[in-house]
Every structure is written in C-alpha cells, then in structure tokens.
C-alpha atoms as a PDB file:
ATOM      1  CA  MET A   1      91.364  49.393  91.703  1.00  0.00           C
ATOM      2  CA  GLN A   2      90.818  50.424  95.217  1.00  0.00           C
ATOM      3  CA  GLN A   3      94.785  51.987  95.545  1.00  0.00           C
ATOM      4  CA  THR A   4      94.349  53.018  92.117  1.00  0.00           C
ATOM      5  CA  ILE A   5      90.607  55.325  93.447  1.00  0.00           C
ATOM      6  CA  HIS A   6      92.427  56.813  96.156  1.00  0.00           C
ATOM      7  CA  ILE A   7      96.101  57.203  94.642  1.00  0.00           C
ATOM      8  CA  ARG A   8      94.247  59.518  91.551  1.00  0.00           C
ATOM      9  CA  PRO A   9      92.489  62.189  93.768  1.00  0.00           C
ATOM     10  CA  LEU A  10      95.988  62.403  95.697  1.00  0.00           C
ATOM     11  CA  ARG A  11      98.483  62.771  92.303  1.00  0.00           C
ATOM     12  CA  ASP A  12      95.352  65.517  91.060  1.00  0.00           C
ATOM     13  CA  SER A  13      95.449  67.291  94.268  1.00  0.00           C
ATOM     14  CA  ILE A  14      99.402  67.828  94.131  1.00  0.00           C
ATOM     15  CA  LYS A  15      99.035  68.921  90.741  1.00  0.00           C
ATOM     16  CA  ARG A  16      96.376  71.158  91.205  1.00  0.00           C
ATOM     17  CA  SER A  17      97.891  72.637  94.147  1.00  0.00           C
ATOM     18  CA  PHE A  18     101.447  72.961  92.403  1.00  0.00           C
ATOM     19  CA  LEU A  19     100.510  74.235  89.154  1.00  0.00           C
ATOM     20  CA  THR A  20      97.802  76.562  90.281  1.00  0.00           C
ATOM     21  CA  ALA A  21     100.392  78.161  93.006  1.00  0.00           C
ATOM     22  CA  THR A  22     103.031  78.135  89.933  1.00  0.00           C
ATOM     23  CA  TRP A  23     100.598  80.771  88.267  1.00  0.00           C
ATOM     24  CA  LEU A  24      99.438  82.701  91.193  1.00  0.00           C
ATOM     25  CA  GLY A  25     103.343  83.380  92.271  1.00  0.00           C
ATOM     26  CA  TRP A  26     104.167  84.635  88.975  1.00  0.00           C
ATOM     27  CA  LYS A  27     101.343  87.099  88.410  1.00  0.00           C
ATOM     28  CA  ILE A  28     101.795  88.601  92.532  1.00  0.00           C
ATOM     29  CA  GLU A  29     105.703  88.256  91.213  1.00  0.00           C
ATOM     30  CA  SER A  30     104.978  90.516  87.896  1.00  0.00           C
ATOM     31  CA  ASN A  31     101.971  92.371  88.476  1.00  0.00           C
ATOM     32  CA  TRP A  32     103.463  95.215  89.922  1.00  0.00           C
ATOM     33  CA  THR A  33     104.825  97.099  86.499  1.00  0.00           C
ATOM     34  CA  ASP A  34     104.695  96.411  82.894  1.00  0.00           C
ATOM     35  CA  PRO A  35     106.855  93.709  81.455  1.00  0.00           C
ATOM     36  CA  PHE A  36     109.770  96.136  80.230  1.00  0.00           C
ATOM     37  CA  LEU A  37     110.168  97.723  83.239  1.00  0.00           C
ATOM     38  CA  PHE A  38     110.254  94.097  84.859  1.00  0.00           C
ATOM     39  CA  ALA A  39     112.739  92.912  82.926  1.00  0.00           C
ATOM     40  CA  VAL A  40     114.791  96.167  83.277  1.00  0.00           C
ATOM     41  CA  TYR A  41     114.805  95.275  87.101  1.00  0.00           C
ATOM     42  CA  SER A  42     115.426  91.752  86.241  1.00  0.00           C
ATOM     43  CA  ILE A  43     119.035  92.596  84.561  1.00  0.00           C
ATOM     44  CA  VAL A  44     119.594  96.060  86.576  1.00  0.00           C
ATOM     45  CA  LYS A  45     119.201  94.522  89.568  1.00  0.00           C
ATOM     46  CA  PRO A  46     121.709  91.279  89.398  1.00  0.00           C
ATOM     47  CA  LEU A  47     124.128  93.125  88.014  1.00  0.00           C
ATOM     48  CA  ALA A  48     124.490  95.916  90.394  1.00  0.00           C
ATOM     49  CA  GLY A  49     124.642  92.517  92.761  1.00  0.00           C
ATOM     50  CA  ALA A  50     127.751  91.550  90.914  1.00  0.00           C
ATOM     51  CA  ALA A  51     129.363  94.819  90.728  1.00  0.00           C
ATOM     52  CA  ILE A  52     129.603  94.888  94.310  1.00  0.00           C
ATOM     53  CA  ILE A  53     131.946  91.749  94.268  1.00  0.00           C
ATOM     54  CA  VAL A  54     133.433  93.021  91.317  1.00  0.00           C
ATOM     55  CA  VAL A  55     134.460  96.239  93.173  1.00  0.00           C
ATOM     56  CA  MET A  56     135.486  94.487  96.122  1.00  0.00           C
ATOM     57  CA  TYR A  57     138.311  92.467  94.759  1.00  0.00           C
ATOM     58  CA  SER A  58     139.431  94.955  92.436  1.00  0.00           C
ATOM     59  CA  VAL A  59     140.365  97.131  95.297  1.00  0.00           C
ATOM     60  CA  VAL A  60     141.849  93.740  96.955  1.00  0.00           C
ATOM     61  CA  ALA A  61     143.608  92.477  93.751  1.00  0.00           C
ATOM     62  CA  GLY A  62     144.877  95.248  92.252  1.00  0.00           C
ATOM     63  CA  GLY A  63     142.191  94.446  89.157  1.00  0.00           C
ATOM     64  CA  ASP A  64     143.576  91.087  88.099  1.00  0.00           C
ATOM     65  CA  PHE A  65     140.354  89.182  86.715  1.00  0.00           C
ATOM     66  CA  ASN A  66     141.672  87.134  84.245  1.00  0.00           C
ATOM     67  CA  THR A  67     142.753  84.174  87.298  1.00  0.00           C
ATOM     68  CA  PRO A  68     141.163  81.276  88.643  1.00  0.00           C
ATOM     69  CA  TYR A  69     140.288  82.259  92.330  1.00  0.00           C
ATOM     70  CA  PHE A  70     138.292  85.517  90.636  1.00  0.00           C
ATOM     71  CA  ALA A  71     135.957  82.089  88.698  1.00  0.00           C
ATOM     72  CA  TYR A  72     135.790  80.579  91.760  1.00  0.00           C
ATOM     73  CA  LEU A  73     134.445  84.035  93.807  1.00  0.00           C
ATOM     74  CA  TYR A  74     132.302  85.604  90.344  1.00  0.00           C
ATOM     75  CA  PHE A  75     130.412  82.284  89.737  1.00  0.00           C
ATOM     76  CA  GLY A  76     129.669  81.483  93.550  1.00  0.00           C
ATOM     77  CA  ASN A  77     128.492  84.355  93.962  1.00  0.00           C
ATOM     78  CA  ALA A  78     126.025  84.096  90.869  1.00  0.00           C
ATOM     79  CA  PHE A  79     124.463  80.658  91.827  1.00  0.00           C
ATOM     80  CA  TYR A  80     124.418  81.907  95.787  1.00  0.00           C
ATOM     81  CA  GLN A  81     121.025  84.031  94.080  1.00  0.00           C
ATOM     82  CA  TYR A  82     119.131  80.621  94.445  1.00  0.00           C
ATOM     83  CA  VAL A  83     119.638  80.220  98.165  1.00  0.00           C
ATOM     84  CA  SER A  84     118.148  83.649  98.690  1.00  0.00           C
ATOM     85  CA  ALA A  85     115.421  83.027  96.162  1.00  0.00           C
ATOM     86  CA  VAL A  86     114.196  79.585  96.841  1.00  0.00           C
ATOM     87  CA  ILE A  87     114.587  79.842 100.907  1.00  0.00           C
ATOM     88  CA  ASN A  88     112.974  83.591 101.420  1.00  0.00           C
ATOM     89  CA  GLY A  89     110.070  82.757  98.324  1.00  0.00           C
ATOM     90  CA  ILE A  90     108.815  79.696 100.185  1.00  0.00           C
ATOM     91  CA  SER A  91     109.326  80.937 104.053  1.00  0.00           C
ATOM     92  CA  TRP A  92     107.745  84.793 102.788  1.00  0.00           C
ATOM     93  CA  THR A  93     105.041  82.841 101.309  1.00  0.00           C
ATOM     94  CA  VAL A  94     103.409  82.253 104.670  1.00  0.00           C
ATOM     95  CA  LEU A  95     103.666  85.611 105.389  1.00  0.00           C
ATOM     96  CA  ASP A  96     102.133  86.648 102.304  1.00  0.00           C
ATOM     97  CA  ASP A  97      99.150  84.828 102.156  1.00  0.00           C
ATOM     98  CA  ARG A  98      98.588  84.934 105.931  1.00  0.00           C
ATOM     99  CA  GLU A  99      98.952  88.820 106.539  1.00  0.00           C
ATOM    100  CA  HIS A 100      98.798  90.770 103.025  1.00  0.00           C
ATOM    101  CA  TYR A 101      96.289  89.275 101.341  1.00  0.00           C
ATOM    102  CA  LYS A 102      94.970  87.256 104.248  1.00  0.00           C
ATOM    103  CA  THR A 103      94.041  83.987 101.993  1.00  0.00           C
ATOM    104  CA  LEU A 104      96.191  81.026 104.180  1.00  0.00           C
ATOM    105  CA  LYS A 105      93.000  80.529 105.989  1.00  0.00           C
ATOM    106  CA  TYR A 106      91.206  79.441 102.877  1.00  0.00           C
ATOM    107  CA  PHE A 107      93.995  77.810 101.426  1.00  0.00           C
ATOM    108  CA  TYR A 108      93.920  75.419 104.691  1.00  0.00           C
ATOM    109  CA  ILE A 109      90.565  74.339 103.918  1.00  0.00           C
ATOM    110  CA  ALA A 110      90.430  73.957  99.898  1.00  0.00           C
ATOM    111  CA  PRO A 111      91.849  70.252  98.635  1.00  0.00           C
ATOM    112  CA  ILE A 112      95.391  71.110  97.922  1.00  0.00           C
ATOM    113  CA  LYS A 113      98.486  70.191  99.889  1.00  0.00           C
ATOM    114  CA  ILE A 114     100.179  73.101 101.260  1.00  0.00           C
ATOM    115  CA  PRO A 115     103.979  72.376 100.902  1.00  0.00           C
ATOM    116  CA  PHE A 116     103.272  71.641  96.981  1.00  0.00           C
ATOM    117  CA  TYR A 117     101.189  75.043  96.716  1.00  0.00           C
ATOM    118  CA  LEU A 118     104.457  76.847  98.890  1.00  0.00           C
ATOM    119  CA  LEU A 119     106.378  74.591  96.548  1.00  0.00           C
ATOM    120  CA  GLY A 120     104.623  76.333  93.584  1.00  0.00           C
ATOM    121  CA  ARG A 121     104.522  79.741  94.874  1.00  0.00           C
ATOM    122  CA  SER A 122     107.940  79.450  94.566  1.00  0.00           C
ATOM    123  CA  ILE A 123     108.766  78.696  90.952  1.00  0.00           C
ATOM    124  CA  ALA A 124     108.482  82.165  90.425  1.00  0.00           C
ATOM    125  CA  GLN A 125     111.554  83.688  92.536  1.00  0.00           C
ATOM    126  CA  ILE A 126     113.349  80.875  91.032  1.00  0.00           C
ATOM    127  CA  LEU A 127     112.642  81.366  87.637  1.00  0.00           C
ATOM    128  CA  THR A 128     113.291  84.837  88.060  1.00  0.00           C
ATOM    129  CA  ALA A 129     116.968  84.306  89.711  1.00  0.00           C
ATOM    130  CA  SER A 130     118.037  81.663  86.691  1.00  0.00           C
ATOM    131  CA  PHE A 131     117.473  85.077  84.809  1.00  0.00           C
ATOM    132  CA  SER A 132     119.198  87.029  87.240  1.00  0.00           C
ATOM    133  CA  VAL A 133     122.001  84.091  87.344  1.00  0.00           C
ATOM    134  CA  PHE A 134     122.683  84.074  83.530  1.00  0.00           C
ATOM    135  CA  VAL A 135     122.830  88.092  83.241  1.00  0.00           C
ATOM    136  CA  THR A 136     125.363  88.301  86.080  1.00  0.00           C
ATOM    137  CA  LEU A 137     126.945  84.437  84.041  1.00  0.00           C
ATOM    138  CA  LEU A 138     126.888  86.424  81.085  1.00  0.00           C
ATOM    139  CA  ALA A 139     127.914  89.906  81.725  1.00  0.00           C
ATOM    140  CA  GLY A 140     131.257  88.197  83.400  1.00  0.00           C
ATOM    141  CA  ILE A 141     132.012  86.012  80.550  1.00  0.00           C
ATOM    142  CA  LEU A 142     131.450  88.679  78.049  1.00  0.00           C
ATOM    143  CA  LEU A 143     132.790  92.473  80.027  1.00  0.00           C
ATOM    144  CA  LEU A 144     134.555  91.108  82.446  1.00  0.00           C
ATOM    145  CA  HIS A 145     136.509  87.817  80.649  1.00  0.00           C
ATOM    146  CA  VAL A 146     136.179  85.359  83.422  1.00  0.00           C
ATOM    147  CA  PRO A 147     137.834  82.483  82.480  1.00  0.00           C
ATOM    148  CA  PHE A 148     135.336  79.795  81.330  1.00  0.00           C
ATOM    149  CA  ASP A 149     136.005  77.426  78.289  1.00  0.00           C
ATOM    150  CA  PHE A 150     132.007  76.489  77.489  1.00  0.00           C
ATOM    151  CA  SER A 151     133.857  72.879  75.839  1.00  0.00           C
ATOM    152  CA  ASN A 152     135.264  72.219  79.070  1.00  0.00           C
ATOM    153  CA  VAL A 153     132.041  72.039  81.139  1.00  0.00           C
ATOM    154  CA  ASN A 154     130.965  68.708  82.760  1.00  0.00           C
ATOM    155  CA  TRP A 155     126.955  68.818  81.629  1.00  0.00           C
ATOM    156  CA  LEU A 156     126.265  65.864  83.725  1.00  0.00           C
ATOM    157  CA  LEU A 157     128.175  66.843  86.599  1.00  0.00           C
ATOM    158  CA  PHE A 158     125.857  69.986  86.397  1.00  0.00           C
ATOM    159  CA  ILE A 159     123.003  68.704  86.106  1.00  0.00           C
ATOM    160  CA  VAL A 160     122.819  66.397  88.388  1.00  0.00           C
ATOM    161  CA  SER A 161     124.320  68.759  91.054  1.00  0.00           C
ATOM    162  CA  PHE A 162     122.373  71.264  90.184  1.00  0.00           C
ATOM    163  CA  PHE A 163     118.846  69.858  91.172  1.00  0.00           C
ATOM    164  CA  ILE A 164     119.842  67.648  93.754  1.00  0.00           C
ATOM    165  CA  GLY A 165     120.784  71.051  95.222  1.00  0.00           C
ATOM    166  CA  LEU A 166     117.866  72.722  94.288  1.00  0.00           C
ATOM    167  CA  ILE A 167     115.919  70.148  96.324  1.00  0.00           C
ATOM    168  CA  ALA A 168     117.772  70.258  99.426  1.00  0.00           C
ATOM    169  CA  LEU A 169     116.645  74.427  99.379  1.00  0.00           C
ATOM    170  CA  VAL A 170     113.376  73.812  98.363  1.00  0.00           C
ATOM    171  CA  TYR A 171     113.698  71.112 102.182  1.00  0.00           C
ATOM    172  CA  MET A 172     115.247  74.560 103.925  1.00  0.00           C
ATOM    173  CA  GLY A 173     112.491  76.744 102.510  1.00  0.00           C
ATOM    174  CA  LEU A 174     110.411  73.963 103.925  1.00  0.00           C
ATOM    175  CA  ILE A 175     111.502  74.093 107.007  1.00  0.00           C
ATOM    176  CA  LEU A 176     111.855  78.204 107.434  1.00  0.00           C
ATOM    177  CA  ALA A 177     108.035  78.237 106.122  1.00  0.00           C
ATOM    178  CA  GLY A 178     106.902  76.464 109.297  1.00  0.00           C
ATOM    179  CA  VAL A 179     108.969  78.262 111.522  1.00  0.00           C
ATOM    180  CA  VAL A 180     107.429  81.821 109.823  1.00  0.00           C
ATOM    181  CA  LEU A 181     103.968  79.712 110.907  1.00  0.00           C
ATOM    182  CA  MET A 182     105.251  80.041 114.505  1.00  0.00           C
ATOM    183  CA  LEU A 183     105.953  83.556 114.942  1.00  0.00           C
ATOM    184  CA  ALA A 184     104.549  86.163 116.286  1.00  0.00           C
ATOM    185  CA  ARG A 185     107.003  89.249 115.778  1.00  0.00           C
ATOM    186  CA  HIS A 186     110.021  90.050 113.174  1.00  0.00           C
ATOM    187  CA  SER A 187     108.851  86.752 110.541  1.00  0.00           C
ATOM    188  CA  ASP A 188     109.150  88.796 107.294  1.00  0.00           C
ATOM    189  CA  VAL A 189     113.004  88.640 107.724  1.00  0.00           C
ATOM    190  CA  VAL A 190     113.465  85.082 108.505  1.00  0.00           C
ATOM    191  CA  GLY A 191     114.174  83.703 104.775  1.00  0.00           C
ATOM    192  CA  GLU A 192     116.523  87.057 104.238  1.00  0.00           C
ATOM    193  CA  ALA A 193     118.379  86.619 107.582  1.00  0.00           C
ATOM    194  CA  VAL A 194     119.029  82.598 106.950  1.00  0.00           C
ATOM    195  CA  ALA A 195     120.019  83.532 103.815  1.00  0.00           C
ATOM    196  CA  SER A 196     122.449  86.243 103.819  1.00  0.00           C
ATOM    197  CA  ALA A 197     123.976  84.552 107.487  1.00  0.00           C
ATOM    198  CA  MET A 198     124.725  80.991 105.047  1.00  0.00           C
ATOM    199  CA  PHE A 199     126.901  83.502 102.641  1.00  0.00           C
ATOM    200  CA  LEU A 200     129.732  83.855 105.438  1.00  0.00           C
ATOM    201  CA  PHE A 201     129.870  79.794 105.870  1.00  0.00           C
ATOM    202  CA  THR A 202     129.132  78.422 102.567  1.00  0.00           C
ATOM    203  CA  GLY A 203     132.268  79.582 100.536  1.00  0.00           C
ATOM    204  CA  ALA A 204     130.628  81.465  98.605  1.00  0.00           C
ATOM    205  CA  VAL A 205     133.228  83.990  97.805  1.00  0.00           C
ATOM    206  CA  PHE A 206     136.245  82.385  99.324  1.00  0.00           C
ATOM    207  CA  PRO A 207     137.398  79.565 100.924  1.00  0.00           C
ATOM    208  CA  LEU A 208     136.224  77.979 104.450  1.00  0.00           C
ATOM    209  CA  SER A 209     140.176  77.674 105.458  1.00  0.00           C
ATOM    210  CA  LEU A 210     139.801  81.716 105.618  1.00  0.00           C
ATOM    211  CA  LEU A 211     137.402  81.776 108.809  1.00  0.00           C
ATOM    212  CA  PRO A 212     138.322  81.053 111.996  1.00  0.00           C
ATOM    213  CA  SER A 213     138.937  77.679 112.876  1.00  0.00           C
ATOM    214  CA  ILE A 214     136.153  77.833 115.195  1.00  0.00           C
ATOM    215  CA  LEU A 215     133.468  78.763 112.642  1.00  0.00           C
ATOM    216  CA  ARG A 216     134.708  75.944 109.650  1.00  0.00           C
ATOM    217  CA  PRO A 217     132.941  73.604 111.239  1.00  0.00           C
ATOM    218  CA  ILE A 218     129.630  75.679 110.233  1.00  0.00           C
ATOM    219  CA  GLY A 219     130.370  75.349 106.620  1.00  0.00           C
ATOM    220  CA  TYR A 220     130.756  71.711 106.260  1.00  0.00           C
ATOM    221  CA  ILE A 221     127.248  71.223 107.752  1.00  0.00           C
ATOM    222  CA  LEU A 222     125.603  72.850 105.378  1.00  0.00           C
ATOM    223  CA  PRO A 223     124.813  71.548 101.982  1.00  0.00           C
ATOM    224  CA  ILE A 224     125.112  74.989 100.617  1.00  0.00           C
ATOM    225  CA  THR A 225     129.196  74.724 100.569  1.00  0.00           C
ATOM    226  CA  TYR A 226     128.803  71.031  98.719  1.00  0.00           C
ATOM    227  CA  TRP A 227     126.469  72.584  95.744  1.00  0.00           C
ATOM    228  CA  LEU A 228     128.748  75.740  95.000  1.00  0.00           C
ATOM    229  CA  GLU A 229     132.141  73.626  95.014  1.00  0.00           C
ATOM    230  CA  LEU A 230     129.836  71.246  92.487  1.00  0.00           C
ATOM    231  CA  LEU A 231     128.713  73.618  90.100  1.00  0.00           C
ATOM    232  CA  ARG A 232     132.018  75.734  89.781  1.00  0.00           C
ATOM    233  CA  ARG A 233     133.890  72.455  89.484  1.00  0.00           C
ATOM    234  CA  ALA A 234     131.160  71.377  86.288  1.00  0.00           C
ATOM    235  CA  LEU A 235     131.626  74.986  85.294  1.00  0.00           C
ATOM    236  CA  ILE A 236     135.122  76.279  85.349  1.00  0.00           C
ATOM    237  CA  GLY A 237     137.613  72.690  86.054  1.00  0.00           C
ATOM    238  CA  GLU A 238     139.547  71.219  88.475  1.00  0.00           C
ATOM    239  CA  SER A 239     141.844  74.601  88.214  1.00  0.00           C
ATOM    240  CA  ILE A 240     139.848  75.456  91.553  1.00  0.00           C
ATOM    241  CA  THR A 241     140.810  72.962  93.363  1.00  0.00           C
ATOM    242  CA  ASP A 242     144.160  74.615  94.050  1.00  0.00           C
ATOM    243  CA  PHE A 243     142.989  77.117  96.332  1.00  0.00           C
ATOM    244  CA  SER A 244     139.457  75.022  97.248  1.00  0.00           C
ATOM    245  CA  SER A 245     138.732  73.777 101.249  1.00  0.00           C
ATOM    246  CA  LEU A 246     137.313  70.673  99.883  1.00  0.00           C
ATOM    247  CA  ASN A 247     140.228  69.968  97.474  1.00  0.00           C
ATOM    248  CA  GLN A 248     140.939  66.912  98.809  1.00  0.00           C
ATOM    249  CA  ILE A 249     137.098  65.122  98.032  1.00  0.00           C
ATOM    250  CA  SER A 250     136.446  64.052  94.480  1.00  0.00           C
ATOM    251  CA  ASN A 251     133.485  64.860  92.363  1.00  0.00           C
ATOM    252  CA  LEU A 252     131.662  62.137  93.084  1.00  0.00           C
ATOM    253  CA  GLU A 253     132.065  61.922  96.767  1.00  0.00           C
ATOM    254  CA  LEU A 254     131.115  65.914  97.009  1.00  0.00           C
ATOM    255  CA  LEU A 255     127.920  64.530  95.136  1.00  0.00           C
ATOM    256  CA  GLY A 256     127.205  61.758  97.591  1.00  0.00           C
ATOM    257  CA  ILE A 257     127.721  64.168 100.540  1.00  0.00           C
ATOM    258  CA  LEU A 258     125.494  66.558  98.931  1.00  0.00           C
ATOM    259  CA  THR A 259     122.508  63.913  97.752  1.00  0.00           C
ATOM    260  CA  ILE A 260     122.752  62.359 101.560  1.00  0.00           C
ATOM    261  CA  PHE A 261     122.418  65.838 102.908  1.00  0.00           C
ATOM    262  CA  THR A 262     119.181  66.551 100.087  1.00  0.00           C
ATOM    263  CA  ILE A 263     117.680  63.177 101.743  1.00  0.00           C
ATOM    264  CA  VAL A 264     118.436  64.060 105.503  1.00  0.00           C
ATOM    265  CA  LEU A 265     116.881  67.540 104.630  1.00  0.00           C
ATOM    266  CA  GLY A 266     113.892  66.201 103.097  1.00  0.00           C
ATOM    267  CA  ALA A 267     113.015  63.412 106.392  1.00  0.00           C
ATOM    268  CA  ALA A 268     113.510  66.878 108.359  1.00  0.00           C
ATOM    269  CA  GLY A 269     111.622  69.323 106.436  1.00  0.00           C
ATOM    270  CA  ILE A 270     108.587  67.354 106.215  1.00  0.00           C
ATOM    271  CA  ARG A 271     108.230  66.149 109.546  1.00  0.00           C
ATOM    272  CA  ILE A 272     108.991  69.657 111.257  1.00  0.00           C
ATOM    273  CA  PHE A 273     106.884  71.550 108.716  1.00  0.00           C
ATOM    274  CA  LYS A 274     103.747  69.307 109.732  1.00  0.00           C
ATOM    275  CA  ALA A 275     105.004  69.363 113.638  1.00  0.00           C
ATOM    276  CA  CYS A 276     104.993  73.473 113.166  1.00  0.00           C
ATOM    277  CA  GLU A 277     101.829  73.096 111.105  1.00  0.00           C
ATOM    278  CA  ASN A 278      99.607  71.344 113.599  1.00  0.00           C
ATOM    279  CA  ARG A 279     100.909  73.684 116.117  1.00  0.00           C
ATOM    280  CA  ALA A 280      99.693  76.507 114.552  1.00  0.00           C
ATOM    281  CA  ARG A 281      96.286  74.735 114.316  1.00  0.00           C
ATOM    282  CA  GLU A 282      96.037  74.344 117.738  1.00  0.00           C
ATOM    283  CA  ARG A 283      97.232  77.447 118.831  1.00  0.00           C
ATOM    284  CA  GLY A 284      95.215  79.225 115.887  1.00  0.00           C
ATOM    285  CA  LEU A 285      97.884  81.111 114.365  1.00  0.00           C
ATOM    286  CA  ILE A 286      97.034  80.107 110.716  1.00  0.00           C
ATOM    287  CA  ASP A 287      94.760  83.166 110.335  1.00  0.00           C
ATOM    288  CA  ARG A 288      96.514  85.437 112.456  1.00  0.00           C
ATOM    289  CA  ILE A 289      97.010  89.137 111.270  1.00  0.00           C
ATOM    290  CA  THR A 290      99.578  90.625 113.509  1.00  0.00           C
ATOM    291  CA  ASN A 291      99.401  94.198 111.267  1.00  0.00           C
ATOM    292  CA  TYR A 292     103.237  94.586 112.354  1.00  0.00           C
END
C-alpha cells in the first residue's frame, strides 16, 4: 500500500510534465504565424532541402533517378530530418527557456520531472519532422519516381526499428541538453552542429565505404548509421545491400546492434544529464542569462 502511494505521485508528475510540455512546445512552434502560412512553410522547407540533394545527384549521375542508389540516398536524407529535429529540439529547449523566456528556473522549483519536460517540448519538432519526412517521401515517389513498392514494405521491421532509433535520438538529445546547461557561449549551435557533423558519418547520403578509412570507424559507432540502414531495408528491400557498407550484417543483427546502442545511450544519457544538471545547480547556471 505504501509503495502504491509513492508510485502514483511519481506517475502523475511524469504524466503532467510530459503532456503539459508537449502542449507548450506545440504552441511555441506554431504561434509565429497563421495556420495556412505555417502549413505552406512545413511543405516548402523539406522540399527545398530535398531539392538540393536531387540537384547534386542529377549532376553526378546524369539525371538517372530510377536506380536503387538514388532511393538509398533519397530515403536516407529524408529520415535524417528526425536527427536534427530531435537532438536540436531537446537541447534548444534549455537555451530557449533559460535565456529567451527566462522560465527554466521556475520549472526547476515546480513539481515536474525535467527530462520528461524536455522530451515533451521536443514532441512538436518530432511531429513537424514527421510531416516533413512524409512530404519528402511522397514528392520523391510521385514526382521523381523513386523506386518504391508499397506491397513489399517490411512494416514490422520498419515500426520496430523506427521507434528504437527514435528513443536513441531522444537520449542523445538529453546528453546535449546537459551540455548546453554547462556552456557559457555558443550553446545555441550545439544541436545543429552535432546533427550536421553526423550527417557526414552516418551514411545518410552515401555509403561509409566512400569515406577515408581513418574516418569510417566514426560511422560504425553511431547508432544512426544502423537506424538509417534498417529503415532503408524495411522500405526499399535488399537491393540496397549491393552498395551498402553494412551488407554483411543481417536485419536481425542490425536490430540487435541498434538496441544495444540505445540501451547504452539510455544509461549514459540519464547519468550525464544528471551530472551536468547537478554541476549547473552548484555553479548557479540554471537561471543564467548571457544575452549573447
């Protein structure tokens, strides 16, 4: 009975932290303009990003879009939008609340769980990224005729790997949120800088085998590499393994590697964030305003 009494307030606190932060995050993300303009922006932005990749590929490949490699490149670039949205969304929340709205210190004295609050604030970015990914894929399939057979999609593999990878991204964002708590300058670019750097090493647009041999190990220690590979295999099929750097690894093995990475990131992410949070409390950084 006593254990139930202790568990229920904790559960209610987590629920309140997450749901309230989700609502708040969506209001902040969408309140800068009217719904129509926001919808237009949400459509044009991902298409503009995809157009850059398409133009680069057309110059190199002579406009041959009906190949498995173009599907490999296009799908990888599309799903990589989640990386920037989740990682930057969680870490940016710290800076936004601390220095823009000046409310972070109040959240720390409120009965909420900060990690779940940060996750809730990132949901708006995840939803926006989901719409962007959908628009990008739809445009590629309908306009560019990216090779894709809906009937051959391995939905079980896609759903399982998608959510495991998304959890890994959340823990990576939590680590960066802890880092942002500790930084005095340039904390506004941490999320974007990390996401942009990993774009090169995760095989988002080209296999790791094209990297210099000294740089390839970086890609193999990043869970996003295996996540993108699983999503491609689930949606496109085994045709991409002809030029993939992970063609010797089966789907089940890839899923196991991604799961292990996620568990390790989970344990490390919580510990690192707590350590950074405690250090920030000791140094009085929770309510710091740099005006920089």
